[in-house]
Amino acid sequence: MEISRFRVIITILVVVSALTIILLERFFPYTKNQKFFREGFFEDFFLYTFFQSYVLGLLISCFINFIEYHIKFANIWAIRKFSIPFQFIFFFIIHDFYIYWFHRLQHRSKILWRIHEAHHSNKQVDWLAGSRSHALEILINQTVEFLPMILLGASPEIPIIKGAVDAIWGMYIHSNINVKSGKLQFIINGPEMHRWHHSDKEISVYNKNFSTKLAVWDWVFKTAYKPESLKPEHYGLSEIDFPGNYFKQQLFAFRKFKEEKT
């Protein structure tokens, strides 16, 4: 199949998945009566999902192409000799393990937290909330994610598949769906655990549930939090006055540290 046609099919799959998640939020909501056009919808949908993703995609592609031109690892490793499923699983696990530890470090580093707090600023968690991430955070994580695929000579389908999985899984774990995964939650991450990670800053739960796709990292490294009888009631960053404008949100990460409350 031509790569352009493959990309179109995967894009349609992402759109259909988004619509499915939106419908499930309407019929099986975790938080009832949550508005679809909630506060910050415009910034998250138009500026983060489309504008920022497009601009950063161009920058990351140019940077990766520059590196690839000067470092011909692909001819040495040629991972594309393995099957598509093997390549995907390999990069999926490696990146998910990285993102767990980088995410965990962001919550412990005052500097790295500055480029992560935007992701926690939404006062409502839904299918679109995961799109809100600072541009520098995206630049770091997506470069780390896609650069190895290019340098190791992965098949051209792999970055497309991986990007689609990222998008769909991101919508799912932030969705306002009342999901009951049972024992599967010990392996695969979902909204049951991730909504706790977005709860308003209570130290007992705020620095928990760092996993993105594989919940197993949280259970293995003892950062899992999944109470049976409690539920998060509030989300966001109540301790700071986070701006509502996209461009101000980007600049807010560079404010002076002395302005923070102690």
Protein backbone atom coordinates (compact mmCIF):
# COMPACT_ATOMS: atom_id res chain seq x y z
CA MET A 1 0.00 0.00 0.00
CA GLU A 2 1.26 3.48 -0.86
CA ILE A 3 2.38 5.39 2.22
CA SER A 4 0.15 8.39 1.36
CA ARG A 5 -2.92 6.15 1.17
CA PHE A 6 -1.90 4.45 4.39
CA ARG A 7 -1.63 7.83 6.10
CA VAL A 8 -5.15 8.77 4.98
CA ILE A 9 -6.57 5.51 6.34
CA ILE A 10 -4.85 6.00 9.70
CA THR A 11 -6.10 9.59 9.88
CA ILE A 12 -9.66 8.40 9.31
CA LEU A 13 -9.17 5.82 12.07
CA VAL A 14 -8.09 8.56 14.51
CA VAL A 15 -11.11 10.72 13.63
CA VAL A 16 -13.52 7.80 14.02
CA SER A 17 -11.91 6.92 17.36
CA ALA A 18 -12.32 10.52 18.55
CA LEU A 19 -16.00 10.53 17.61
CA THR A 20 -16.51 7.19 19.35
CA ILE A 21 -14.91 8.45 22.56
CA ILE A 22 -17.00 11.63 22.42
CA LEU A 23 -20.19 9.56 22.10
CA LEU A 24 -19.16 7.30 24.98
CA GLU A 25 -18.60 10.40 27.11
CA ARG A 26 -22.19 11.45 26.41
CA PHE A 27 -23.74 8.05 27.17
CA PHE A 28 -21.45 6.79 29.95
CA PRO A 29 -20.01 9.88 31.68
CA TYR A 30 -17.81 9.63 34.75
CA THR A 31 -18.62 13.22 35.70
CA LYS A 32 -22.23 13.82 34.74
CA ASN A 33 -23.43 17.06 33.11
CA GLN A 34 -19.89 18.02 32.06
CA LYS A 35 -20.08 20.51 29.21
CA PHE A 36 -18.71 19.60 25.79
CA PHE A 37 -17.70 23.19 25.02
CA ARG A 38 -16.05 23.63 28.39
CA GLU A 39 -13.57 26.31 29.47
CA GLY A 40 -10.47 26.21 27.29
CA PHE A 41 -12.11 24.23 24.46
CA PHE A 42 -11.05 26.72 21.78
CA GLU A 43 -7.39 26.75 22.88
CA ASP A 44 -7.21 22.97 23.20
CA PHE A 45 -8.99 22.12 19.96
CA PHE A 46 -7.76 24.75 17.53
CA LEU A 47 -4.48 26.04 18.95
CA TYR A 48 -3.01 22.97 20.66
CA THR A 49 -4.47 20.16 18.52
CA PHE A 50 -4.08 21.78 15.11
CA PHE A 51 -1.90 24.91 15.16
CA GLN A 52 0.75 23.72 17.61
CA SER A 53 0.80 20.14 16.31
CA TYR A 54 1.31 21.33 12.73
CA VAL A 55 4.08 23.83 13.53
CA LEU A 56 5.95 21.49 15.88
CA GLY A 57 5.55 18.62 13.43
CA LEU A 58 7.38 20.65 10.80
CA LEU A 59 10.15 21.64 13.22
CA ILE A 60 10.66 18.10 14.51
CA SER A 61 10.69 16.68 10.98
CA CYS A 62 13.29 19.21 9.84
CA PHE A 63 15.49 18.49 12.85
CA ILE A 64 15.23 14.71 12.45
CA ASN A 65 15.94 14.95 8.70
CA PHE A 66 19.01 17.08 9.46
CA ILE A 67 20.31 14.52 11.94
CA GLU A 68 19.55 11.63 9.60
CA TYR A 69 21.43 13.33 6.76
CA HIS A 70 24.58 13.58 8.87
CA ILE A 71 24.32 10.28 10.77
CA LYS A 72 23.51 7.24 8.64
CA PHE A 73 22.61 4.80 11.40
CA ALA A 74 19.80 3.37 9.32
CA ASN A 75 22.22 1.62 6.99
CA ILE A 76 23.93 -0.01 9.97
CA TRP A 77 20.98 -1.20 12.02
CA ALA A 78 18.22 -1.58 9.39
CA ILE A 79 15.52 -2.57 11.87
CA ARG A 80 13.03 -2.62 9.02
CA LYS A 81 14.20 -6.15 8.19
CA PHE A 82 11.95 -7.21 11.07
CA SER A 83 8.18 -7.39 10.73
CA ILE A 84 5.94 -4.33 11.18
CA PRO A 85 4.38 -5.73 14.40
CA PHE A 86 7.83 -6.39 15.89
CA GLN A 87 9.06 -2.90 15.02
CA PHE A 88 5.95 -1.30 16.50
CA ILE A 89 6.11 -3.29 19.75
CA PHE A 90 9.83 -2.51 20.10
CA PHE A 91 9.43 1.26 19.76
CA PHE A 92 6.15 1.25 21.71
CA ILE A 93 7.69 -0.34 24.81
CA ILE A 94 10.96 1.60 24.68
CA HIS A 95 9.22 4.97 24.37
CA ASP A 96 6.57 4.18 26.96
CA PHE A 97 9.29 3.25 29.45
CA TYR A 98 11.10 6.52 28.69
CA ILE A 99 7.95 8.64 29.00
CA TYR A 100 7.15 7.14 32.41
CA TRP A 101 10.52 8.22 33.82
CA PHE A 102 10.60 11.60 32.08
CA HIS A 103 7.06 12.29 33.27
CA ARG A 104 8.01 11.30 36.79
CA LEU A 105 11.07 13.58 36.63
CA GLN A 106 8.92 16.48 35.46
CA HIS A 107 6.94 16.28 38.70
CA ARG A 108 10.13 16.39 40.74
CA SER A 109 12.13 19.02 38.86
CA LYS A 110 11.15 22.67 39.30
CA ILE A 111 12.45 23.47 35.83
CA LEU A 112 10.86 20.56 33.97
CA TRP A 113 7.59 21.08 35.85
CA ARG A 114 7.28 24.48 34.20
CA ILE A 115 6.85 22.88 30.77
CA HIS A 116 4.48 20.24 32.14
CA GLU A 117 2.08 22.28 34.28
CA ALA A 118 0.10 23.39 31.22
CA HIS A 119 -0.96 19.78 30.78
CA HIS A 120 -2.41 19.83 34.31
CA SER A 121 -4.14 23.20 34.00
CA ASN A 122 -7.49 22.05 32.62
CA LYS A 123 -10.24 22.22 35.23
CA GLN A 124 -12.15 19.45 33.47
CA VAL A 125 -10.75 16.20 32.14
CA ASP A 126 -12.14 14.96 28.85
CA TRP A 127 -11.15 13.54 25.44
CA LEU A 128 -9.52 16.85 24.48
CA ALA A 129 -7.67 17.63 27.71
CA GLY A 130 -4.63 15.57 26.77
CA SER A 131 -3.86 17.82 23.80
CA ARG A 132 -2.82 20.63 26.11
CA SER A 133 0.96 20.34 26.49
CA HIS A 134 3.64 23.02 26.35
CA ALA A 135 5.48 23.31 23.04
CA LEU A 136 8.86 22.51 24.65
CA GLU A 137 7.46 19.37 26.24
CA ILE A 138 6.18 18.20 22.85
CA LEU A 139 9.49 19.04 21.16
CA ILE A 140 11.42 16.96 23.67
CA ASN A 141 9.10 13.97 23.82
CA GLN A 142 8.32 13.64 20.13
CA THR A 143 11.95 14.07 19.13
CA VAL A 144 12.93 11.32 21.56
CA GLU A 145 10.05 9.23 20.22
CA PHE A 146 10.55 9.55 16.46
CA LEU A 147 14.29 10.15 16.09
CA PRO A 148 15.24 6.53 16.94
CA MET A 149 12.69 5.26 14.39
CA ILE A 150 14.36 7.25 11.63
CA LEU A 151 17.96 6.61 12.68
CA LEU A 152 17.37 2.87 13.08
CA GLY A 153 15.72 2.61 9.69
CA ALA A 154 12.19 1.71 10.78
CA SER A 155 9.60 1.06 8.11
CA PRO A 156 7.79 4.28 7.06
CA GLU A 157 4.51 2.93 8.44
CA ILE A 158 5.87 2.81 12.00
CA PRO A 159 5.89 6.58 12.80
CA ILE A 160 2.38 6.87 11.34
CA ILE A 161 1.04 3.97 13.40
CA LYS A 162 2.81 5.16 16.54
CA GLY A 163 1.47 8.70 16.11
CA ALA A 164 -2.07 7.37 15.71
CA VAL A 165 -1.77 5.17 18.81
CA ASP A 166 -0.48 8.18 20.77
CA ALA A 167 -3.45 10.30 19.68
CA ILE A 168 -6.11 7.67 20.35
CA TRP A 169 -4.66 6.55 23.68
CA GLY A 170 -4.23 10.15 24.78
CA MET A 171 -7.91 10.85 24.12
CA TYR A 172 -8.92 7.66 25.91
CA ILE A 173 -6.97 8.06 29.16
CA HIS A 174 -8.20 11.65 29.57
CA SER A 175 -11.78 10.85 28.58
CA ASN A 176 -14.79 11.44 30.80
CA ILE A 177 -15.94 7.83 30.45
CA ASN A 178 -16.94 5.71 33.41
CA VAL A 179 -14.65 2.79 32.59
CA LYS A 180 -14.29 -0.37 34.68
CA SER A 181 -11.22 -2.22 33.39
CA GLY A 182 -10.87 -4.66 36.25
CA LYS A 183 -7.56 -6.48 36.39
CA LEU A 184 -6.66 -5.16 32.95
CA GLN A 185 -5.83 -1.85 34.69
CA PHE A 186 -2.74 -3.54 36.12
CA ILE A 187 -1.36 -3.73 32.59
CA ILE A 188 -3.05 -1.12 30.39
CA ASN A 189 -3.53 2.45 31.49
CA GLY A 190 -6.93 4.10 31.25
CA PRO A 191 -9.03 6.97 32.62
CA GLU A 192 -9.65 5.14 35.91
CA MET A 193 -6.10 5.82 37.06
CA HIS A 194 -5.10 8.77 34.91
CA ARG A 195 -7.89 11.07 36.08
CA TRP A 196 -6.37 10.78 39.57
CA HIS A 197 -3.12 12.11 38.15
CA HIS A 198 -4.99 15.23 37.03
CA SER A 199 -6.77 15.78 40.32
CA ASP A 200 -6.08 19.09 42.02
CA LYS A 201 -2.72 19.17 43.74
CA GLU A 202 -2.96 16.84 46.70
CA ILE A 203 0.48 15.41 47.33
CA SER A 204 -0.90 11.95 48.10
CA VAL A 205 -2.24 11.47 44.56
CA TYR A 206 -0.72 14.22 42.44
CA ASN A 207 2.64 12.48 42.18
CA LYS A 208 1.15 9.13 41.23
CA ASN A 209 0.07 7.33 38.06
CA PHE A 210 2.77 8.57 35.69
CA SER A 211 2.22 5.84 33.11
CA THR A 212 0.80 6.75 29.74
CA LYS A 213 -0.07 3.50 27.98
CA LEU A 214 1.28 0.64 30.05
CA ALA A 215 0.09 0.95 33.65
CA VAL A 216 2.54 -1.79 34.61
CA TRP A 217 5.30 0.80 35.15
CA ASP A 218 3.34 2.41 37.99
CA TRP A 219 2.71 -0.91 39.69
CA VAL A 220 6.30 -2.12 39.30
CA PHE A 221 7.87 1.15 40.49
CA LYS A 222 5.27 1.73 43.24
CA THR A 223 3.68 4.94 41.96
CA ALA A 224 0.23 3.46 41.33
CA TYR A 225 -2.85 4.95 43.00
CA LYS A 226 -6.28 3.41 42.43
CA PRO A 227 -8.65 3.62 45.41
CA GLU A 228 -11.89 1.69 45.10
CA SER A 229 -14.18 3.86 47.24
CA LEU A 230 -12.98 7.38 46.39
CA LYS A 231 -13.25 9.53 43.29
CA PRO A 232 -11.48 12.75 42.23
CA GLU A 233 -13.74 15.79 42.42
CA HIS A 234 -11.57 18.66 41.23
CA TYR A 235 -8.93 19.03 38.54
CA GLY A 236 -6.43 21.69 37.54
CA LEU A 237 -3.92 23.89 39.33
CA SER A 238 -5.69 25.82 42.06
CA GLU A 239 -2.42 26.99 43.65
CA ILE A 240 -1.52 29.23 40.69
CA ASP A 241 -3.43 31.65 38.47
CA PHE A 242 -2.83 29.86 35.19
CA PRO A 243 -3.63 32.03 32.12
CA GLY A 244 -6.42 31.04 29.76
CA ASN A 245 -4.80 32.30 26.56
CA TYR A 246 -2.66 29.85 24.55
CA PHE A 247 0.22 32.26 23.91
CA LYS A 248 0.25 33.43 27.52
CA GLN A 249 0.30 29.79 28.62
CA GLN A 250 3.46 29.24 26.58
CA LEU A 251 5.15 32.29 28.10
CA PHE A 252 3.94 31.48 31.61
CA ALA A 253 6.50 28.67 31.84
CA PHE A 254 9.30 31.26 31.81
CA ARG A 255 8.09 33.36 34.74
CA LYS A 256 10.50 33.98 37.60
CA PHE A 257 10.68 31.27 40.22
CA LYS A 258 10.54 33.80 43.05
CA GLU A 259 6.96 34.60 42.07
CA GLU A 260 5.79 31.15 43.14
CA LYS A 261 4.07 30.67 46.48
CA THR A 262 5.98 28.72 49.09
